[in-house]
Amino acid sequence: MIFRDATADPSDLERAAAYPADGPVPALSAEKVREEFAENRMRPAWTWFAEDGDGDILARALWWGRADSARPIALDCLQVRAGVADPAGVAAGLLAAGHASFGNLPGYTVPLPRGWRAAPPLAEAVAWRREAAHRTGLTREIERLRYEWTPQAGTAEPTGRLAFREGTDEEFLDAFVRLSHGSLDLATRNELLSRDAEQLAREDFDFYLDCPGERSWWRLAHLPDGTLAGMAIPSATPYHRNVGYLGVVPEQRGRGLIDEILAEITRFHAAAGAERVTATTDTVNVPMAAAFDRAGYQVTEIRLVLESPSELR
């Protein structure tokens, strides 16, 4: 078996796009793959095949990054041909080859419908992907809810409980530090095992600064007396507007203020004409999920995130 990227032959990109997107795990359509190549978010060096001795494709892995990314950010699609005796082994070899070429271990997000564990074919397809990911260093798992807001859901009017204002970089860094304490977000809790809150705050700040959204969108949330209550960071992806980052400082939690902050972000995007606003939260973060439900956001899929415990974002 040969593992190789798609840089050897110009026809490789069309072969990658045309590879059948079958099987129970959702996969990108050929049209969508071609679009990603055209926008430089997928590239020949980030597209890998497992081939048999006759050059037939047994497996395909498509990694993704932003148009200006130096290295891939995430594995977007992993497929092994039906009937392959050891799909986990083939997939693991493919991932290992890609990781060695990139010099990093991009995470893998598997999009799934609700109730996927109760569907045996789907659960089996997830199982070999999970095994392949684990074999190649992606051993940390987080299950997330992917939410979506559309204008039909409407927006809540401001209540006056919070005032929102712009802030300095130092103020936002301090807010990131404070919000990380006692967070229910698993990524935040995991990252705090290997770095202090100040270092994580700088990484989070830089991450959102580098997203397609604008720094001028960010807001600090204050009580009427000027006390910091939390912050709202509306953001964007290459495809649509996004909730980004939001939270309430520990001493103000439990008062329903998260609803006020989420409503501010939703109003901001709606005022800009957004037809879709996406968001994600961990399945274990019940208060945040409930806030999205109350704000009219709908769950569109489950995301099983497989990542390296040591890989920096």
Protein backbone atom coordinates (compact mmCIF):
# COMPACT_ATOMS: atom_id res chain seq x y z
CA MET A 1 0.00 0.00 0.00
CA ILE A 2 1.20 3.50 -0.87
CA PHE A 3 0.41 6.66 1.09
CA ARG A 4 0.97 9.86 -0.88
CA ASP A 5 -0.24 13.40 -1.27
CA ALA A 6 -1.91 14.87 -4.35
CA THR A 7 1.07 16.84 -5.66
CA ALA A 8 2.35 14.27 -8.17
CA ASP A 9 -0.25 14.66 -10.92
CA PRO A 10 -2.62 17.55 -11.81
CA SER A 11 -5.42 15.01 -12.18
CA ASP A 12 -5.09 14.09 -8.49
CA LEU A 13 -7.26 17.00 -7.40
CA GLU A 14 -10.13 15.85 -9.58
CA ARG A 15 -9.64 12.29 -8.33
CA ALA A 16 -9.84 13.60 -4.78
CA ALA A 17 -13.01 15.57 -5.49
CA ALA A 18 -14.68 12.74 -7.41
CA TYR A 19 -13.98 10.07 -4.79
CA PRO A 20 -17.40 8.72 -3.77
CA ALA A 21 -18.75 10.51 -0.71
CA ASP A 22 -20.61 7.43 0.46
CA GLY A 23 -20.94 5.76 3.83
CA PRO A 24 -22.97 6.78 6.87
CA VAL A 25 -20.64 9.57 8.09
CA PRO A 26 -21.46 12.84 6.29
CA ALA A 27 -18.82 13.85 3.73
CA LEU A 28 -18.23 16.85 1.50
CA SER A 29 -19.74 16.78 -1.97
CA ALA A 30 -17.49 16.84 -5.03
CA GLU A 31 -18.67 20.38 -5.78
CA LYS A 32 -17.78 21.53 -2.27
CA VAL A 33 -14.32 19.94 -2.44
CA ARG A 34 -13.64 21.70 -5.74
CA GLU A 35 -14.75 24.99 -4.19
CA GLU A 36 -12.39 24.50 -1.24
CA PHE A 37 -9.47 23.81 -3.60
CA ALA A 38 -10.33 26.94 -5.60
CA GLU A 39 -10.30 29.07 -2.44
CA ASN A 40 -6.97 27.56 -1.24
CA ARG A 41 -8.57 26.15 1.88
CA MET A 42 -7.74 22.65 0.66
CA ARG A 43 -4.47 22.07 -1.16
CA PRO A 44 -2.66 19.27 -3.00
CA ALA A 45 -0.10 18.90 -0.18
CA TRP A 46 -2.94 18.58 2.35
CA THR A 47 -4.79 15.94 0.29
CA TRP A 48 -3.66 12.36 0.85
CA PHE A 49 -4.48 8.99 -0.70
CA ALA A 50 -3.92 5.38 0.29
CA GLU A 51 -3.48 3.43 -2.96
CA ASP A 52 -3.13 -0.24 -3.77
CA GLY A 53 -0.51 -1.63 -6.14
CA ASP A 54 -2.66 -0.79 -9.16
CA GLY A 55 -3.01 2.87 -8.18
CA ASP A 56 -6.64 2.54 -7.09
CA ILE A 57 -7.64 4.78 -4.19
CA LEU A 58 -8.49 2.83 -1.05
CA ALA A 59 -8.80 5.85 1.24
CA ARG A 60 -8.93 9.63 1.09
CA ALA A 61 -8.04 12.26 3.70
CA LEU A 62 -8.72 15.95 3.15
CA TRP A 63 -7.20 18.48 5.52
CA TRP A 64 -8.41 22.08 5.70
CA GLY A 65 -7.01 25.47 6.62
CA ARG A 66 -7.76 29.13 6.05
CA ALA A 67 -6.61 30.58 2.74
CA ASP A 68 -3.54 32.10 4.42
CA SER A 69 -2.70 29.16 6.71
CA ALA A 70 0.87 27.87 6.59
CA ARG A 71 -0.22 24.42 7.82
CA PRO A 72 -3.57 22.63 7.88
CA ILE A 73 -5.84 23.39 10.83
CA ALA A 74 -8.20 20.42 10.74
CA LEU A 75 -8.92 17.10 9.09
CA ASP A 76 -12.18 17.69 7.25
CA CYS A 77 -12.86 14.34 5.62
CA LEU A 78 -11.62 10.76 6.13
CA GLN A 79 -12.99 7.88 4.07
CA VAL A 80 -11.95 4.29 3.46
CA ARG A 81 -13.44 2.25 0.65
CA ALA A 82 -16.17 -0.17 1.69
CA GLY A 83 -14.91 -3.73 1.88
CA VAL A 84 -11.37 -2.87 3.04
CA ALA A 85 -10.53 -5.48 5.67
CA ASP A 86 -8.89 -3.14 8.19
CA PRO A 87 -10.28 0.38 7.75
CA ALA A 88 -8.79 1.59 11.04
CA GLY A 89 -5.31 0.39 10.03
CA VAL A 90 -5.49 1.96 6.56
CA ALA A 91 -6.84 5.23 7.99
CA ALA A 92 -4.16 5.30 10.70
CA GLY A 93 -1.41 4.86 8.11
CA LEU A 94 -2.90 7.65 6.02
CA LEU A 95 -3.15 10.03 8.98
CA ALA A 96 0.38 9.23 10.16
CA ALA A 97 1.78 10.00 6.70
CA GLY A 98 -0.05 13.31 6.58
CA HIS A 99 0.99 14.31 10.10
CA ALA A 100 4.65 13.54 9.33
CA SER A 101 4.47 15.75 6.24
CA PHE A 102 2.75 18.67 7.98
CA GLY A 103 4.83 18.63 11.16
CA ASN A 104 1.70 19.01 13.29
CA LEU A 105 -1.36 17.03 14.38
CA PRO A 106 -4.48 18.86 13.18
CA GLY A 107 -7.63 17.86 15.00
CA TYR A 108 -10.40 15.86 13.36
CA THR A 109 -14.04 16.87 13.72
CA VAL A 110 -16.57 14.21 12.77
CA PRO A 111 -20.02 15.69 11.97
CA LEU A 112 -22.84 13.49 13.19
CA PRO A 113 -26.62 13.57 13.64
CA ARG A 114 -28.23 13.40 17.06
CA GLY A 115 -28.70 9.86 18.26
CA TRP A 116 -25.81 8.56 16.18
CA ARG A 117 -24.87 5.93 18.78
CA ALA A 118 -28.22 4.17 18.25
CA ALA A 119 -27.53 3.60 14.54
CA PRO A 120 -25.18 0.55 14.27
CA PRO A 121 -23.72 1.29 10.79
CA LEU A 122 -22.97 4.87 11.81
CA ALA A 123 -21.55 3.86 15.20
CA GLU A 124 -19.25 1.34 13.47
CA ALA A 125 -18.05 3.96 10.99
CA VAL A 126 -17.27 6.31 13.87
CA ALA A 127 -15.48 3.51 15.77
CA TRP A 128 -12.82 2.87 13.13
CA ARG A 129 -12.26 6.59 12.64
CA ARG A 130 -11.85 7.05 16.38
CA GLU A 131 -9.41 4.13 16.54
CA ALA A 132 -7.33 5.54 13.66
CA ALA A 133 -7.28 8.97 15.29
CA HIS A 134 -6.21 7.51 18.65
CA ARG A 135 -3.40 5.51 17.03
CA THR A 136 -1.99 8.70 15.52
CA GLY A 137 -2.07 10.89 18.62
CA LEU A 138 -5.58 12.36 18.48
CA THR A 139 -6.57 10.89 21.83
CA ARG A 140 -8.53 13.72 23.43
CA GLU A 141 -12.27 13.68 22.69
CA ILE A 142 -14.86 16.41 23.07
CA GLU A 143 -18.45 16.10 21.89
CA ARG A 144 -20.00 19.38 20.88
CA LEU A 145 -23.38 20.72 19.82
CA ARG A 146 -23.36 22.80 16.65
CA TYR A 147 -26.05 25.51 16.75
CA GLU A 148 -27.45 27.81 14.11
CA TRP A 149 -29.53 30.98 14.27
CA THR A 150 -31.52 32.36 11.33
CA PRO A 151 -33.57 35.56 11.15
CA GLN A 152 -36.80 33.61 11.53
CA ALA A 153 -35.86 33.08 15.19
CA GLY A 154 -35.86 36.82 15.83
CA THR A 155 -33.79 38.75 18.36
CA ALA A 156 -34.42 39.80 21.94
CA GLU A 157 -34.64 43.49 22.78
CA PRO A 158 -32.06 44.94 25.20
CA THR A 159 -33.26 44.84 28.81
CA GLY A 160 -30.87 47.39 30.28
CA ARG A 161 -29.39 44.85 32.70
CA LEU A 162 -26.01 45.18 30.96
CA ALA A 163 -24.15 47.91 29.13
CA PHE A 164 -21.73 47.00 26.35
CA ARG A 165 -18.64 48.99 25.41
CA GLU A 166 -15.38 48.66 23.56
CA GLY A 167 -12.26 47.88 25.56
CA THR A 168 -8.50 47.89 25.37
CA ASP A 169 -6.45 44.79 24.63
CA GLU A 170 -5.39 44.69 28.28
CA GLU A 171 -9.01 44.77 29.45
CA PHE A 172 -9.94 41.89 27.17
CA LEU A 173 -6.92 39.86 28.24
CA ASP A 174 -7.97 40.35 31.87
CA ALA A 175 -11.53 39.30 30.98
CA PHE A 176 -10.25 36.14 29.26
CA VAL A 177 -8.33 35.26 32.42
CA ARG A 178 -11.32 35.81 34.69
CA LEU A 179 -13.76 33.92 32.48
CA SER A 180 -11.49 30.86 32.35
CA HIS A 181 -11.86 30.29 36.11
CA GLY A 182 -14.51 27.65 36.71
CA SER A 183 -15.32 27.36 33.00
CA LEU A 184 -17.43 24.38 31.92
CA ASP A 185 -15.82 24.44 28.47
CA LEU A 186 -13.74 21.25 28.19
CA ALA A 187 -11.14 22.74 25.85
CA THR A 188 -10.49 25.54 28.33
CA ARG A 189 -10.27 23.14 31.25
CA ASN A 190 -7.94 20.82 29.35
CA GLU A 191 -5.67 23.64 28.23
CA LEU A 192 -5.38 24.95 31.79
CA LEU A 193 -3.76 21.62 32.73
CA SER A 194 -0.67 22.56 30.72
CA ARG A 195 -0.55 26.37 30.90
CA ASP A 196 -1.59 29.16 33.25
CA ALA A 197 -4.64 31.35 32.76
CA GLU A 198 -2.59 34.31 31.52
CA GLN A 199 -0.91 32.24 28.79
CA LEU A 200 -4.24 30.76 27.74
CA ALA A 201 -5.77 34.25 27.67
CA ARG A 202 -3.08 35.43 25.26
CA GLU A 203 -3.63 32.37 23.03
CA ASP A 204 -7.41 32.87 23.01
CA PHE A 205 -6.97 36.58 22.30
CA ASP A 206 -4.65 35.88 19.37
CA PHE A 207 -6.93 33.13 18.05
CA TYR A 208 -9.99 35.38 17.84
CA LEU A 209 -7.89 38.27 16.54
CA ASP A 210 -6.83 36.00 13.68
CA CYS A 211 -10.40 34.92 12.84
CA PRO A 212 -12.20 36.57 9.90
CA GLY A 213 -14.25 38.75 12.28
CA GLU A 214 -13.13 42.29 13.19
CA ARG A 215 -11.46 43.36 16.45
CA SER A 216 -13.81 46.36 16.49
CA TRP A 217 -16.76 44.00 17.06
CA TRP A 218 -15.60 42.95 20.53
CA ARG A 219 -17.45 44.24 23.59
CA LEU A 220 -17.10 44.16 27.35
CA ALA A 221 -20.31 43.73 29.34
CA HIS A 222 -20.85 45.79 32.51
CA LEU A 223 -23.53 46.08 35.14
CA PRO A 224 -25.14 49.53 35.47
CA ASP A 225 -22.69 50.41 38.27
CA GLY A 226 -19.69 49.69 36.03
CA THR A 227 -18.82 46.26 37.43
CA LEU A 228 -17.47 43.89 34.78
CA ALA A 229 -20.01 41.14 34.10
CA GLY A 230 -18.49 39.41 31.08
CA MET A 231 -17.64 39.87 27.44
CA ALA A 232 -19.00 39.29 23.95
CA ILE A 233 -16.79 38.50 20.97
CA PRO A 234 -18.86 38.23 17.79
CA SER A 235 -16.74 36.49 15.17
CA ALA A 236 -16.89 34.88 11.74
CA THR A 237 -15.67 31.89 9.78
CA PRO A 238 -14.75 31.90 6.08
CA TYR A 239 -18.40 30.98 5.41
CA HIS A 240 -20.68 32.90 7.79
CA ARG A 241 -21.03 34.90 10.99
CA ASN A 242 -20.26 33.11 14.25
CA VAL A 243 -20.96 33.65 17.95
CA GLY A 244 -17.25 33.39 18.77
CA TYR A 245 -16.55 33.74 22.49
CA LEU A 246 -18.83 34.82 25.30
CA GLY A 247 -19.01 34.37 29.03
CA VAL A 248 -19.81 35.74 32.47
CA VAL A 249 -17.22 36.31 35.20
CA PRO A 250 -17.49 33.78 38.06
CA GLU A 251 -18.93 36.14 40.65
CA GLN A 252 -21.83 37.12 38.36
CA ARG A 253 -22.81 33.65 37.16
CA GLY A 254 -26.21 32.16 37.91
CA ARG A 255 -28.12 35.39 37.29
CA GLY A 256 -29.12 34.81 33.67
CA LEU A 257 -26.62 37.33 32.33
CA ILE A 258 -25.39 34.90 29.69
CA ASP A 259 -28.73 35.43 27.93
CA GLU A 260 -28.03 39.17 27.77
CA ILE A 261 -24.56 38.64 26.29
CA LEU A 262 -25.70 36.10 23.72
CA ALA A 263 -28.58 38.39 22.72
CA GLU A 264 -26.11 41.25 22.18
CA ILE A 265 -23.99 39.10 19.84
CA THR A 266 -27.08 37.91 17.96
CA ARG A 267 -28.41 41.47 17.56
CA PHE A 268 -25.00 42.61 16.32
CA HIS A 269 -24.87 39.99 13.58
CA ALA A 270 -28.54 40.45 12.69
CA ALA A 271 -28.04 44.21 12.30
CA ALA A 272 -25.25 43.45 9.80
CA GLY A 273 -27.70 41.40 7.74
CA ALA A 274 -26.47 37.95 8.71
CA GLU A 275 -28.69 35.19 7.30
CA ARG A 276 -27.01 32.56 9.49
CA VAL A 277 -25.08 32.68 12.76
CA THR A 278 -23.38 29.52 13.98
CA ALA A 279 -22.12 28.51 17.41
CA THR A 280 -20.84 25.46 19.24
CA THR A 281 -20.74 24.36 22.85
CA ASP A 282 -19.78 21.15 24.63
CA THR A 283 -22.59 18.71 25.38
CA VAL A 284 -21.57 18.84 29.07
CA ASN A 285 -21.94 22.64 29.18
CA VAL A 286 -25.63 22.44 29.98
CA PRO A 287 -26.10 26.12 30.99
CA MET A 288 -24.64 27.39 27.70
CA ALA A 289 -26.68 24.93 25.66
CA ALA A 290 -29.82 26.06 27.47
CA ALA A 291 -28.99 29.70 26.69
CA PHE A 292 -28.72 28.88 22.97
CA ASP A 293 -32.05 27.06 23.15
CA ARG A 294 -33.73 30.06 24.79
CA ALA A 295 -32.28 32.41 22.17
CA GLY A 296 -33.83 30.45 19.31
CA TYR A 297 -30.67 28.71 18.12
CA GLN A 298 -31.26 25.23 16.70
CA VAL A 299 -28.96 22.21 16.95
CA THR A 300 -27.93 21.20 13.42
CA GLU A 301 -25.41 18.46 14.24
CA ILE A 302 -23.20 16.82 16.82
CA ARG A 303 -19.44 17.26 16.40
CA LEU A 304 -17.10 14.63 17.75
CA VAL A 305 -13.77 16.44 18.13
CA LEU A 306 -10.63 14.27 18.20
CA GLU A 307 -7.42 16.14 18.94
CA SER A 308 -3.94 15.85 20.36
CA PRO A 309 -3.59 16.72 24.07
CA SER A 310 -0.22 18.33 23.32
CA GLU A 311 -1.08 20.23 20.14
CA LEU A 312 -1.32 23.98 20.58
CA ARG A 313 -4.23 25.69 18.84
